[in-house]
Amino acid sequence: MTKQNRERAYKHFRDLEANYEALPHLNKGMTATTVLRARAKASADALLKRNPELESVKEPVEEAKLKGKK
């Protein structure tokens, strides 16, 4: 992955972790809100562990929530 793709993936996973809400008919199994948020957190943490330079890309969760609600 290029640096830009790693940053984009990291931001995407953190955004999912903070803002994902499943539709009522999809809120079960692998698409449940809690399951998907946990998987997104694990993926983002794994990316951060492999690529410590992504620490500078890290956004606070509060900012991500505000961006998602606009």
Protein backbone atom coordinates (compact mmCIF):
# COMPACT_ATOMS: atom_id res chain seq x y z
CA MET A 1 0.00 0.00 0.00
CA THR A 2 1.15 3.51 -0.67
CA LYS A 3 1.33 5.97 2.18
CA GLN A 4 -1.79 7.78 0.96
CA ASN A 5 -3.76 4.53 0.81
CA ARG A 6 -2.65 3.55 4.32
CA GLU A 7 -3.71 6.95 5.65
CA ARG A 8 -7.06 6.75 3.87
CA ALA A 9 -7.71 3.23 5.16
CA TYR A 10 -6.75 4.24 8.69
CA LYS A 11 -9.08 7.25 8.62
CA HIS A 12 -11.87 5.11 7.16
CA PHE A 13 -11.58 2.49 9.91
CA ARG A 14 -11.50 5.15 12.64
CA ASP A 15 -14.55 6.81 11.10
CA LEU A 16 -16.42 3.50 11.03
CA GLU A 17 -15.44 2.85 14.63
CA ALA A 18 -16.89 6.18 15.72
CA ASN A 19 -19.88 6.66 13.42
CA TYR A 20 -21.21 3.37 12.01
CA GLU A 21 -24.88 2.70 12.70
CA ALA A 22 -26.49 -0.33 11.12
CA LEU A 23 -29.93 -0.07 9.60
CA PRO A 24 -32.56 -1.80 11.74
CA HIS A 25 -32.96 -4.77 9.39
CA LEU A 26 -29.15 -5.23 9.20
CA ASN A 27 -28.42 -4.91 12.91
CA LYS A 28 -27.66 -8.58 13.47
CA GLY A 29 -24.81 -10.96 12.80
CA MET A 30 -21.71 -9.63 11.07
CA THR A 31 -23.36 -6.31 10.16
CA ALA A 32 -24.43 -5.45 13.71
CA THR A 33 -23.24 -2.07 14.91
CA THR A 34 -21.18 -3.44 17.79
CA VAL A 35 -19.55 -6.15 15.69
CA LEU A 36 -18.59 -3.86 12.84
CA ARG A 37 -17.26 -1.15 15.16
CA ALA A 38 -15.11 -3.72 16.97
CA ARG A 39 -13.73 -5.06 13.68
CA ALA A 40 -12.99 -1.52 12.44
CA LYS A 41 -11.13 -0.76 15.69
CA ALA A 42 -9.09 -3.94 15.37
CA SER A 43 -8.22 -3.14 11.75
CA ALA A 44 -7.21 0.43 12.58
CA ASP A 45 -5.10 -0.70 15.53
CA ALA A 46 -3.38 -3.31 13.35
CA LEU A 47 -2.59 -0.68 10.71
CA LEU A 48 -1.21 1.63 13.38
CA LYS A 49 0.93 -1.13 14.84
CA ARG A 50 2.44 -1.96 11.42
CA ASN A 51 2.80 1.71 10.42
CA PRO A 52 3.65 3.92 13.42
CA GLU A 53 3.86 6.99 11.16
CA LEU A 54 0.05 6.94 11.02
CA GLU A 55 0.03 8.28 14.60
CA SER A 56 0.19 11.80 13.13
CA VAL A 57 -2.99 11.09 11.10
CA LYS A 58 -4.96 10.09 14.18
CA GLU A 59 -8.09 12.20 14.69
CA PRO A 60 -9.92 12.49 17.99
CA VAL A 61 -13.19 10.56 18.09
CA GLU A 62 -15.17 13.71 18.90
CA GLU A 63 -14.08 15.39 15.66
CA ALA A 64 -15.02 12.34 13.63
CA LYS A 65 -18.49 12.25 15.19
CA LEU A 66 -19.06 15.92 14.41
CA LYS A 67 -18.01 15.45 10.78
CA GLY A 68 -20.32 12.47 10.33
CA LYS A 69 -23.43 14.29 11.61
CA LYS A 70 -23.23 17.27 9.23
